[in-house]
N, C-alpha and C. Protein backbone atom coordinates (compact mmCIF):
# COMPACT_ATOMS: atom_id res chain seq x y z
N UNK A 1 0.85 -1.17 0.00
CA UNK A 1 0.00 0.00 0.00
C UNK A 1 0.90 1.23 0.00
N UNK A 2 0.49 2.25 -0.76
CA UNK A 2 1.23 3.49 -0.87
C UNK A 2 0.34 4.64 -0.41
N UNK A 3 0.99 5.74 -0.01
CA UNK A 3 0.26 6.94 0.40
C UNK A 3 0.91 8.14 -0.27
N UNK A 4 0.08 9.04 -0.79
CA UNK A 4 0.56 10.29 -1.37
C UNK A 4 0.66 11.33 -0.26
N UNK A 5 1.81 11.96 -0.14
CA UNK A 5 2.00 12.98 0.88
C UNK A 5 1.37 14.31 0.49
N UNK A 6 0.95 14.44 -0.76
CA UNK A 6 0.32 15.68 -1.23
C UNK A 6 -1.20 15.63 -1.01
N UNK A 7 -1.88 14.66 -1.63
CA UNK A 7 -3.35 14.61 -1.54
C UNK A 7 -3.85 13.59 -0.51
N UNK A 8 -2.93 12.86 0.13
CA UNK A 8 -3.24 11.86 1.18
C UNK A 8 -3.98 10.64 0.66
N UNK A 9 -4.03 10.46 -0.65
CA UNK A 9 -4.68 9.31 -1.28
C UNK A 9 -3.89 8.04 -0.94
N UNK A 10 -4.59 6.92 -0.76
CA UNK A 10 -3.94 5.62 -0.56
C UNK A 10 -4.26 4.76 -1.77
N UNK A 11 -3.26 4.00 -2.23
CA UNK A 11 -3.43 3.20 -3.44
C UNK A 11 -2.49 2.01 -3.40
N UNK A 12 -2.84 0.99 -4.19
CA UNK A 12 -2.06 -0.26 -4.23
C UNK A 12 -0.74 -0.10 -4.97
N UNK A 13 -0.78 0.49 -6.15
CA UNK A 13 0.42 0.63 -6.98
C UNK A 13 0.51 2.05 -7.52
N UNK A 14 1.71 2.64 -7.50
CA UNK A 14 1.85 3.97 -8.10
C UNK A 14 1.80 3.91 -9.61
N UNK A 15 1.48 5.02 -10.21
CA UNK A 15 1.47 5.17 -11.65
C UNK A 15 2.91 5.43 -12.10
N UNK A 16 3.34 4.77 -13.16
CA UNK A 16 4.68 5.00 -13.68
C UNK A 16 4.61 6.07 -14.76
N UNK A 17 5.42 7.08 -14.62
CA UNK A 17 5.43 8.21 -15.55
C UNK A 17 6.80 8.31 -16.17
N UNK A 18 6.86 8.26 -17.49
CA UNK A 18 8.13 8.31 -18.22
C UNK A 18 8.31 9.68 -18.86
N UNK A 19 9.47 10.26 -18.62
CA UNK A 19 9.81 11.56 -19.17
C UNK A 19 11.33 11.61 -19.32
N UNK A 20 11.89 12.78 -19.41
CA UNK A 20 13.35 12.94 -19.40
C UNK A 20 13.73 13.88 -18.27
N UNK A 21 14.95 13.76 -17.82
CA UNK A 21 15.43 14.67 -16.78
C UNK A 21 15.32 16.12 -17.25
N UNK A 22 15.65 16.35 -18.51
CA UNK A 22 15.66 17.71 -19.05
C UNK A 22 14.26 18.31 -19.07
N UNK A 23 13.27 17.50 -19.46
CA UNK A 23 11.90 18.00 -19.48
C UNK A 23 11.36 18.18 -18.07
N UNK A 24 11.69 17.25 -17.18
CA UNK A 24 11.22 17.31 -15.80
C UNK A 24 11.71 18.59 -15.11
N UNK A 25 12.96 18.96 -15.38
CA UNK A 25 13.54 20.15 -14.75
C UNK A 25 13.38 21.42 -15.60
N UNK A 26 12.65 21.33 -16.72
CA UNK A 26 12.34 22.50 -17.51
C UNK A 26 13.48 23.06 -18.33
N UNK A 27 14.46 22.21 -18.69
CA UNK A 27 15.61 22.69 -19.47
C UNK A 27 15.77 21.88 -20.76
N UNK A 28 14.66 21.38 -21.28
CA UNK A 28 14.68 20.50 -22.45
C UNK A 28 15.36 21.16 -23.66
N UNK A 29 15.11 22.44 -23.88
CA UNK A 29 15.63 23.13 -25.05
C UNK A 29 17.13 23.43 -24.95
N UNK A 30 17.69 23.36 -23.76
CA UNK A 30 19.09 23.73 -23.55
C UNK A 30 20.08 22.62 -23.92
N UNK A 31 19.59 21.39 -24.06
CA UNK A 31 20.50 20.26 -24.29
C UNK A 31 20.08 19.48 -25.53
N UNK A 32 21.07 18.99 -26.25
CA UNK A 32 20.77 18.16 -27.42
C UNK A 32 20.56 16.70 -27.03
N UNK A 33 21.16 16.28 -25.95
CA UNK A 33 20.97 14.91 -25.44
C UNK A 33 19.87 14.92 -24.39
N UNK A 34 19.11 13.82 -24.36
CA UNK A 34 18.02 13.72 -23.39
C UNK A 34 18.13 12.38 -22.68
N UNK A 35 18.03 12.42 -21.37
CA UNK A 35 18.21 11.24 -20.52
C UNK A 35 16.87 10.81 -19.93
N UNK A 36 16.54 9.54 -20.11
CA UNK A 36 15.27 9.01 -19.65
C UNK A 36 15.14 9.06 -18.13
N UNK A 37 13.92 9.32 -17.71
CA UNK A 37 13.59 9.36 -16.28
C UNK A 37 12.25 8.68 -16.12
N UNK A 38 12.17 7.74 -15.18
CA UNK A 38 10.89 7.11 -14.86
C UNK A 38 10.57 7.42 -13.41
N UNK A 39 9.41 8.01 -13.20
CA UNK A 39 8.97 8.37 -11.86
C UNK A 39 7.76 7.53 -11.48
N UNK A 40 7.62 7.30 -10.19
CA UNK A 40 6.41 6.70 -9.67
C UNK A 40 5.60 7.83 -9.05
N UNK A 41 4.36 7.97 -9.50
CA UNK A 41 3.53 9.09 -9.05
C UNK A 41 2.18 8.60 -8.54
N UNK A 42 1.52 9.47 -7.81
CA UNK A 42 0.18 9.19 -7.30
C UNK A 42 -0.80 9.13 -8.46
N UNK A 43 -1.65 8.11 -8.53
CA UNK A 43 -2.62 8.01 -9.61
C UNK A 43 -3.68 9.12 -9.56
N UNK A 44 -3.88 9.74 -8.41
CA UNK A 44 -4.89 10.80 -8.28
C UNK A 44 -4.36 12.16 -8.70
N UNK A 45 -3.27 12.63 -8.05
CA UNK A 45 -2.80 14.00 -8.29
C UNK A 45 -1.51 14.06 -9.10
N UNK A 46 -0.95 12.90 -9.45
CA UNK A 46 0.27 12.79 -10.28
C UNK A 46 1.51 13.36 -9.60
N UNK A 47 1.50 13.54 -8.28
CA UNK A 47 2.64 14.04 -7.54
C UNK A 47 3.59 12.89 -7.25
N UNK A 48 4.90 13.15 -7.27
CA UNK A 48 5.87 12.08 -7.03
C UNK A 48 6.24 11.92 -5.55
N UNK A 49 5.64 12.72 -4.67
CA UNK A 49 5.92 12.63 -3.24
C UNK A 49 5.04 11.55 -2.61
N UNK A 50 5.42 10.29 -2.85
CA UNK A 50 4.66 9.16 -2.33
C UNK A 50 5.59 8.30 -1.49
N UNK A 51 5.00 7.50 -0.62
CA UNK A 51 5.80 6.58 0.19
C UNK A 51 5.03 5.29 0.41
N UNK A 52 5.79 4.23 0.53
CA UNK A 52 5.17 2.93 0.78
C UNK A 52 4.86 2.82 2.26
N UNK A 53 3.65 2.40 2.55
CA UNK A 53 3.24 2.23 3.93
C UNK A 53 3.57 0.82 4.40
N UNK A 54 4.09 0.72 5.57
CA UNK A 54 4.38 -0.58 6.17
C UNK A 54 3.15 -1.00 6.95
N UNK A 55 2.61 -2.14 6.59
CA UNK A 55 1.41 -2.62 7.26
C UNK A 55 1.80 -3.45 8.49
N UNK A 56 1.42 -2.95 9.63
CA UNK A 56 1.71 -3.66 10.88
C UNK A 56 0.51 -4.50 11.27
N UNK A 57 0.77 -5.55 12.03
CA UNK A 57 -0.30 -6.46 12.42
C UNK A 57 -0.55 -6.39 13.91
N UNK A 58 -1.70 -6.87 14.31
CA UNK A 58 -2.05 -6.96 15.72
C UNK A 58 -1.17 -8.01 16.37
N UNK A 59 -0.64 -7.70 17.54
CA UNK A 59 0.21 -8.65 18.28
C UNK A 59 -0.61 -9.23 19.42
N UNK A 60 -0.76 -10.54 19.41
CA UNK A 60 -1.46 -11.25 20.47
C UNK A 60 -0.45 -11.53 21.58
N UNK A 61 -0.61 -10.87 22.71
CA UNK A 61 0.37 -11.00 23.79
C UNK A 61 0.36 -12.38 24.44
N UNK A 62 -0.70 -13.14 24.26
CA UNK A 62 -0.75 -14.50 24.81
C UNK A 62 0.04 -15.48 23.95
N UNK A 63 0.26 -15.15 22.68
CA UNK A 63 0.91 -16.07 21.75
C UNK A 63 2.05 -15.40 20.99
N UNK A 64 2.88 -14.66 21.68
CA UNK A 64 3.99 -14.00 21.00
C UNK A 64 5.32 -14.50 21.55
N UNK A 65 6.33 -14.46 20.70
CA UNK A 65 7.68 -14.82 21.12
C UNK A 65 8.51 -13.58 21.45
N UNK A 66 7.86 -12.42 21.46
CA UNK A 66 8.57 -11.19 21.75
C UNK A 66 8.97 -11.12 23.22
N UNK A 67 10.12 -10.53 23.45
CA UNK A 67 10.55 -10.31 24.84
C UNK A 67 9.88 -9.06 25.38
N UNK A 68 9.91 -8.90 26.68
CA UNK A 68 9.32 -7.71 27.29
C UNK A 68 10.03 -6.44 26.81
N UNK A 69 11.35 -6.52 26.59
CA UNK A 69 12.10 -5.37 26.08
C UNK A 69 11.65 -5.01 24.67
N UNK A 70 11.41 -6.00 23.83
CA UNK A 70 10.93 -5.74 22.47
C UNK A 70 9.54 -5.10 22.50
N UNK A 71 8.71 -5.57 23.40
CA UNK A 71 7.36 -5.02 23.52
C UNK A 71 7.42 -3.56 23.96
N UNK A 72 8.29 -3.25 24.93
CA UNK A 72 8.41 -1.87 25.41
C UNK A 72 9.01 -0.93 24.38
N UNK A 73 9.71 -1.46 23.39
CA UNK A 73 10.28 -0.63 22.33
C UNK A 73 9.26 -0.27 21.25
N UNK A 74 8.14 -0.96 21.21
CA UNK A 74 7.11 -0.68 20.20
C UNK A 74 6.54 0.72 20.39
N UNK A 75 6.22 1.36 19.29
CA UNK A 75 5.62 2.69 19.33
C UNK A 75 4.31 2.69 18.55
N UNK A 76 3.39 3.51 19.00
CA UNK A 76 2.11 3.71 18.33
C UNK A 76 1.25 2.44 18.29
N UNK A 77 1.22 1.74 19.43
CA UNK A 77 0.32 0.60 19.60
C UNK A 77 -0.59 0.89 20.78
N UNK A 78 -1.81 0.35 20.74
CA UNK A 78 -2.75 0.47 21.83
C UNK A 78 -3.01 -0.93 22.39
N UNK A 79 -2.99 -1.04 23.73
CA UNK A 79 -3.20 -2.33 24.37
C UNK A 79 -4.68 -2.50 24.66
N UNK A 80 -5.24 -3.62 24.18
CA UNK A 80 -6.65 -3.91 24.41
C UNK A 80 -6.85 -5.42 24.44
N UNK A 81 -7.41 -5.93 25.50
CA UNK A 81 -7.72 -7.36 25.62
C UNK A 81 -6.52 -8.25 25.28
N UNK A 82 -5.38 -7.98 25.89
CA UNK A 82 -4.16 -8.76 25.68
C UNK A 82 -3.68 -8.75 24.24
N UNK A 83 -4.00 -7.68 23.54
CA UNK A 83 -3.51 -7.49 22.18
C UNK A 83 -2.92 -6.09 22.07
N UNK A 84 -1.88 -5.98 21.24
CA UNK A 84 -1.33 -4.68 20.90
C UNK A 84 -1.79 -4.37 19.48
N UNK A 85 -2.53 -3.29 19.34
CA UNK A 85 -3.14 -2.94 18.06
C UNK A 85 -2.45 -1.69 17.52
N UNK A 86 -1.92 -1.75 16.29
CA UNK A 86 -1.32 -0.55 15.69
C UNK A 86 -2.38 0.55 15.56
N UNK A 87 -2.01 1.78 15.86
CA UNK A 87 -2.98 2.88 15.83
C UNK A 87 -3.60 3.07 14.46
N UNK A 88 -2.87 2.75 13.38
CA UNK A 88 -3.44 2.94 12.05
C UNK A 88 -4.59 1.99 11.77
N UNK A 89 -4.69 0.88 12.53
CA UNK A 89 -5.80 -0.06 12.35
C UNK A 89 -7.04 0.37 13.13
N UNK A 90 -6.87 1.35 14.02
CA UNK A 90 -8.01 1.82 14.82
C UNK A 90 -8.88 2.78 14.03
N UNK A 91 -8.34 3.37 12.98
CA UNK A 91 -9.10 4.34 12.19
C UNK A 91 -9.31 5.61 12.98
N UNK A 92 -10.50 6.17 12.89
CA UNK A 92 -10.82 7.42 13.57
C UNK A 92 -11.58 7.19 14.87
N UNK A 93 -11.40 6.06 15.48
CA UNK A 93 -12.12 5.71 16.72
C UNK A 93 -11.55 6.47 17.89
């Protein structure tokens, strides 16, 4: 899963956009040689400021091999009913 940092859209695969470095930077007319550039962009707003989201899973504290130190190092989890739930899975609750 990917997220656009511009429009906040979430999508499975980015759109591949092919251009040249010279055209991308607005100096196409200044050079006789042109170098290919392939960008991955948001399918909604076509911005290249996207990042891959890491999908975290719920940790069942009754059935985990994690040490207590590893558990204490976790960030952005909520403890509920002997489970650690990543905050992104809670939505807007």
